[in-house]
Amino acid sequence: ELIDQRLYLQRISREDGLAATLQSLERPYDGSPGIMRAMGVWNYDDTRMITVRLEDMTADVSSVLSHFLRVNSVSNVKLPRAKDFSFEKMSGGRKIGEVDNSSHYRSGNAEAWREELPKSLQDYIRMHYSKLLEMYYPEVLS
């Protein structure tokens, strides 16, 4: 499905592609509730789970995992080496900020999404996902 989605996105405009991506995150091809809808009804108060923003995880995976292990009193766990999962390693040697539009690892800039979304999609997301934004990105609501 991802290959088909990428081929489709290559044939349409950037703005239409972003809208189509949001649509597939809300309701994928199989008709199940999509990731965005699932995130909207998730029980964030469940203490068995920890919620981590992608930006925090990509900025310092070792610190995030170490914090999780400490908070949950988990020991004797060997963490992966952060450098093995760095943008440079995963992208084949590119530095953060070097853009490859054909790569899943496009730029390595965890904040790039803030600049990419057209106003119409920003407004849609603010309207439909304000609860999530209030919890994790309150600054984008103003």
C-alpha atoms as a PDB file:
ATOM      1  CA  GLU A   1       0.000   0.000   0.000  1.00  0.00           C
ATOM      2  CA  LEU A   2       2.846   2.408   0.757  1.00  0.00           C
ATOM      3  CA  ILE A   3       4.394   1.818  -2.663  1.00  0.00           C
ATOM      4  CA  ASP A   4       1.039   2.515  -4.332  1.00  0.00           C
ATOM      5  CA  GLN A   5       0.579   5.610  -2.153  1.00  0.00           C
ATOM      6  CA  ARG A   6       4.036   6.954  -3.092  1.00  0.00           C
ATOM      7  CA  LEU A   7       3.353   6.391  -6.818  1.00  0.00           C
ATOM      8  CA  TYR A   8       0.028   8.199  -6.477  1.00  0.00           C
ATOM      9  CA  LEU A   9       1.648  11.107  -4.618  1.00  0.00           C
ATOM     10  CA  GLN A  10       4.216  11.517  -7.383  1.00  0.00           C
ATOM     11  CA  ARG A  11       1.404  12.158  -9.892  1.00  0.00           C
ATOM     12  CA  ILE A  12      -0.415  14.916  -7.990  1.00  0.00           C
ATOM     13  CA  SER A  13       0.406  18.379  -6.671  1.00  0.00           C
ATOM     14  CA  ARG A  14       2.230  18.852  -3.381  1.00  0.00           C
ATOM     15  CA  GLU A  15      -0.833  20.333  -1.656  1.00  0.00           C
ATOM     16  CA  ASP A  16      -3.110  17.564  -2.955  1.00  0.00           C
ATOM     17  CA  GLY A  17      -0.512  15.033  -1.832  1.00  0.00           C
ATOM     18  CA  LEU A  18      -0.462  16.395   1.704  1.00  0.00           C
ATOM     19  CA  ALA A  19      -4.272  16.283   1.813  1.00  0.00           C
ATOM     20  CA  ALA A  20      -4.261  12.711   0.460  1.00  0.00           C
ATOM     21  CA  THR A  21      -1.698  11.685   3.071  1.00  0.00           C
ATOM     22  CA  LEU A  22      -3.834  13.123   5.857  1.00  0.00           C
ATOM     23  CA  GLN A  23      -6.840  11.329   4.407  1.00  0.00           C
ATOM     24  CA  SER A  24      -4.978   8.005   4.397  1.00  0.00           C
ATOM     25  CA  LEU A  25      -3.886   8.592   8.004  1.00  0.00           C
ATOM     26  CA  GLU A  26      -7.507   9.182   8.968  1.00  0.00           C
ATOM     27  CA  ARG A  27      -8.916   6.218   7.055  1.00  0.00           C
ATOM     28  CA  PRO A  28      -6.554   3.857   5.242  1.00  0.00           C
ATOM     29  CA  TYR A  29      -7.439   1.737   2.223  1.00  0.00           C
ATOM     30  CA  ASP A  30      -8.717  -1.134   4.357  1.00  0.00           C
ATOM     31  CA  GLY A  31     -11.450   1.079   5.827  1.00  0.00           C
ATOM     32  CA  SER A  32     -10.265   0.740   9.436  1.00  0.00           C
ATOM     33  CA  PRO A  33     -10.046   3.788  11.677  1.00  0.00           C
ATOM     34  CA  GLY A  34      -6.756   5.380  10.742  1.00  0.00           C
ATOM     35  CA  ILE A  35      -3.859   6.405  12.916  1.00  0.00           C
ATOM     36  CA  MET A  36      -5.096   9.970  13.372  1.00  0.00           C
ATOM     37  CA  ARG A  37      -8.543   8.886  14.474  1.00  0.00           C
ATOM     38  CA  ALA A  38      -7.077   6.257  16.795  1.00  0.00           C
ATOM     39  CA  MET A  39      -4.822   8.883  18.345  1.00  0.00           C
ATOM     40  CA  GLY A  40      -7.871  11.069  18.907  1.00  0.00           C
ATOM     41  CA  VAL A  41      -9.579   8.466  21.087  1.00  0.00           C
ATOM     42  CA  TRP A  42      -6.500   6.965  22.768  1.00  0.00           C
ATOM     43  CA  ASN A  43      -6.492   6.903  26.595  1.00  0.00           C
ATOM     44  CA  TYR A  44      -3.473   9.093  27.324  1.00  0.00           C
ATOM     45  CA  ASP A  45      -4.040   8.659  31.069  1.00  0.00           C
ATOM     46  CA  ASP A  46      -3.205   4.936  30.919  1.00  0.00           C
ATOM     47  CA  THR A  47      -0.106   4.681  33.111  1.00  0.00           C
ATOM     48  CA  ARG A  48       0.983   1.483  31.356  1.00  0.00           C
ATOM     49  CA  MET A  49       1.865   3.546  28.315  1.00  0.00           C
ATOM     50  CA  ILE A  50       4.282   6.365  27.696  1.00  0.00           C
ATOM     51  CA  THR A  51       3.651   8.870  24.951  1.00  0.00           C
ATOM     52  CA  VAL A  52       6.686  10.301  23.203  1.00  0.00           C
ATOM     53  CA  ARG A  53       6.667  13.021  20.575  1.00  0.00           C
ATOM     54  CA  LEU A  54       8.507  12.067  17.406  1.00  0.00           C
ATOM     55  CA  GLU A  55      10.587  15.240  17.671  1.00  0.00           C
ATOM     56  CA  ASP A  56      11.822  14.206  21.123  1.00  0.00           C
ATOM     57  CA  MET A  57      12.574  10.651  20.046  1.00  0.00           C
ATOM     58  CA  THR A  58      14.528  11.681  16.974  1.00  0.00           C
ATOM     59  CA  ALA A  59      16.435  14.397  18.827  1.00  0.00           C
ATOM     60  CA  ASP A  60      17.785  12.047  21.496  1.00  0.00           C
ATOM     61  CA  VAL A  61      16.556   8.447  21.380  1.00  0.00           C
ATOM     62  CA  SER A  62      18.948   7.302  24.118  1.00  0.00           C
ATOM     63  CA  SER A  63      17.683   9.872  26.627  1.00  0.00           C
ATOM     64  CA  VAL A  64      14.036   9.076  25.891  1.00  0.00           C
ATOM     65  CA  LEU A  65      14.576   5.330  26.290  1.00  0.00           C
ATOM     66  CA  SER A  66      16.767   5.762  29.377  1.00  0.00           C
ATOM     67  CA  HIS A  67      14.110   7.960  30.988  1.00  0.00           C
ATOM     68  CA  PHE A  68      11.428   5.374  30.224  1.00  0.00           C
ATOM     69  CA  LEU A  69      13.509   2.597  31.760  1.00  0.00           C
ATOM     70  CA  ARG A  70      14.261   4.647  34.897  1.00  0.00           C
ATOM     71  CA  VAL A  71      10.639   5.720  35.401  1.00  0.00           C
ATOM     72  CA  ASN A  72       9.474   2.125  35.083  1.00  0.00           C
ATOM     73  CA  SER A  73      12.291   0.631  37.165  1.00  0.00           C
ATOM     74  CA  VAL A  74      13.477  -1.547  34.316  1.00  0.00           C
ATOM     75  CA  SER A  75      17.033  -2.792  34.543  1.00  0.00           C
ATOM     76  CA  ASN A  76      19.363  -5.133  32.679  1.00  0.00           C
ATOM     77  CA  VAL A  77      18.258  -3.778  29.323  1.00  0.00           C
ATOM     78  CA  LYS A  78      20.870  -2.983  26.719  1.00  0.00           C
ATOM     79  CA  LEU A  79      19.854   0.052  24.692  1.00  0.00           C
ATOM     80  CA  PRO A  80      20.728   0.299  21.016  1.00  0.00           C
ATOM     81  CA  ARG A  81      23.465   2.739  20.121  1.00  0.00           C
ATOM     82  CA  ALA A  82      21.829   6.019  19.129  1.00  0.00           C
ATOM     83  CA  LYS A  83      24.334   6.561  16.328  1.00  0.00           C
ATOM     84  CA  ASP A  84      23.071   3.361  14.667  1.00  0.00           C
ATOM     85  CA  PHE A  85      19.690   5.057  14.255  1.00  0.00           C
ATOM     86  CA  SER A  86      20.839   8.575  13.450  1.00  0.00           C
ATOM     87  CA  PHE A  87      19.537  10.422  10.425  1.00  0.00           C
ATOM     88  CA  GLU A  88      22.978  10.250   8.866  1.00  0.00           C
ATOM     89  CA  LYS A  89      23.091   6.467   9.217  1.00  0.00           C
ATOM     90  CA  MET A  90      19.471   5.871   8.112  1.00  0.00           C
ATOM     91  CA  SER A  91      19.715   8.234   5.113  1.00  0.00           C
ATOM     92  CA  GLY A  92      22.924   6.832   3.721  1.00  0.00           C
ATOM     93  CA  GLY A  93      25.226   9.600   4.896  1.00  0.00           C
ATOM     94  CA  ARG A  94      23.229  12.813   4.497  1.00  0.00           C
ATOM     95  CA  LYS A  95      23.425  15.474   7.207  1.00  0.00           C
ATOM     96  CA  ILE A  96      20.299  16.861   8.889  1.00  0.00           C
ATOM     97  CA  GLY A  97      18.865  19.511   6.605  1.00  0.00           C
ATOM     98  CA  GLU A  98      20.104  17.908   3.368  1.00  0.00           C
ATOM     99  CA  VAL A  99      16.819  17.238   1.582  1.00  0.00           C
ATOM    100  CA  ASP A 100      16.088  14.235  -0.628  1.00  0.00           C
ATOM    101  CA  ASN A 101      12.456  14.467  -1.720  1.00  0.00           C
ATOM    102  CA  SER A 102      12.490  10.866  -2.947  1.00  0.00           C
ATOM    103  CA  SER A 103      13.576   9.450   0.420  1.00  0.00           C
ATOM    104  CA  HIS A 104      11.418   8.368   3.337  1.00  0.00           C
ATOM    105  CA  TYR A 105      14.092  10.116   5.424  1.00  0.00           C
ATOM    106  CA  ARG A 106      13.536  13.406   3.606  1.00  0.00           C
ATOM    107  CA  SER A 107      15.496  15.984   5.600  1.00  0.00           C
ATOM    108  CA  GLY A 108      16.082  14.791   9.141  1.00  0.00           C
ATOM    109  CA  ASN A 109      14.599  18.020  10.452  1.00  0.00           C
ATOM    110  CA  ALA A 110      12.060  16.964  13.070  1.00  0.00           C
ATOM    111  CA  GLU A 111      10.406  20.382  12.910  1.00  0.00           C
ATOM    112  CA  ALA A 112      10.022  20.486   9.100  1.00  0.00           C
ATOM    113  CA  TRP A 113       6.362  19.523   9.274  1.00  0.00           C
ATOM    114  CA  ARG A 114       5.620  22.956  10.735  1.00  0.00           C
ATOM    115  CA  GLU A 115       6.710  24.587   7.476  1.00  0.00           C
ATOM    116  CA  GLU A 116       5.226  22.036   5.083  1.00  0.00           C
ATOM    117  CA  LEU A 117       1.492  22.110   5.775  1.00  0.00           C
ATOM    118  CA  PRO A 118      -0.645  24.551   3.790  1.00  0.00           C
ATOM    119  CA  LYS A 119      -2.927  26.804   5.844  1.00  0.00           C
ATOM    120  CA  SER A 120      -6.057  24.880   4.810  1.00  0.00           C
ATOM    121  CA  LEU A 121      -4.634  21.645   6.283  1.00  0.00           C
ATOM    122  CA  GLN A 122      -3.381  23.444   9.370  1.00  0.00           C
ATOM    123  CA  ASP A 123      -6.893  24.773   9.970  1.00  0.00           C
ATOM    124  CA  TYR A 124      -8.418  21.331   9.405  1.00  0.00           C
ATOM    125  CA  ILE A 125      -6.011  19.701  11.865  1.00  0.00           C
ATOM    126  CA  ARG A 126      -6.586  22.437  14.453  1.00  0.00           C
ATOM    127  CA  MET A 127     -10.339  21.909  14.165  1.00  0.00           C
ATOM    128  CA  HIS A 128     -10.361  18.097  14.237  1.00  0.00           C
ATOM    129  CA  TYR A 129      -7.378  17.332  16.459  1.00  0.00           C
ATOM    130  CA  SER A 130      -7.326  20.200  18.955  1.00  0.00           C
ATOM    131  CA  LYS A 131      -7.228  17.784  21.925  1.00  0.00           C
ATOM    132  CA  LEU A 132      -3.975  16.243  20.672  1.00  0.00           C
ATOM    133  CA  LEU A 133      -2.526  19.629  19.842  1.00  0.00           C
ATOM    134  CA  GLU A 134      -3.390  20.979  23.299  1.00  0.00           C
ATOM    135  CA  MET A 135      -1.517  18.070  24.903  1.00  0.00           C
ATOM    136  CA  TYR A 136       1.584  17.942  22.710  1.00  0.00           C
ATOM    137  CA  TYR A 137       1.791  21.064  20.535  1.00  0.00           C
ATOM    138  CA  PRO A 138      -0.110  23.833  22.347  1.00  0.00           C
ATOM    139  CA  GLU A 139       1.974  26.539  20.664  1.00  0.00           C
ATOM    140  CA  VAL A 140       0.411  25.777  17.262  1.00  0.00           C
ATOM    141  CA  LEU A 141      -3.078  26.618  18.499  1.00  0.00           C
ATOM    142  CA  SER A 142      -2.357  30.339  18.824  1.00  0.00           C
END
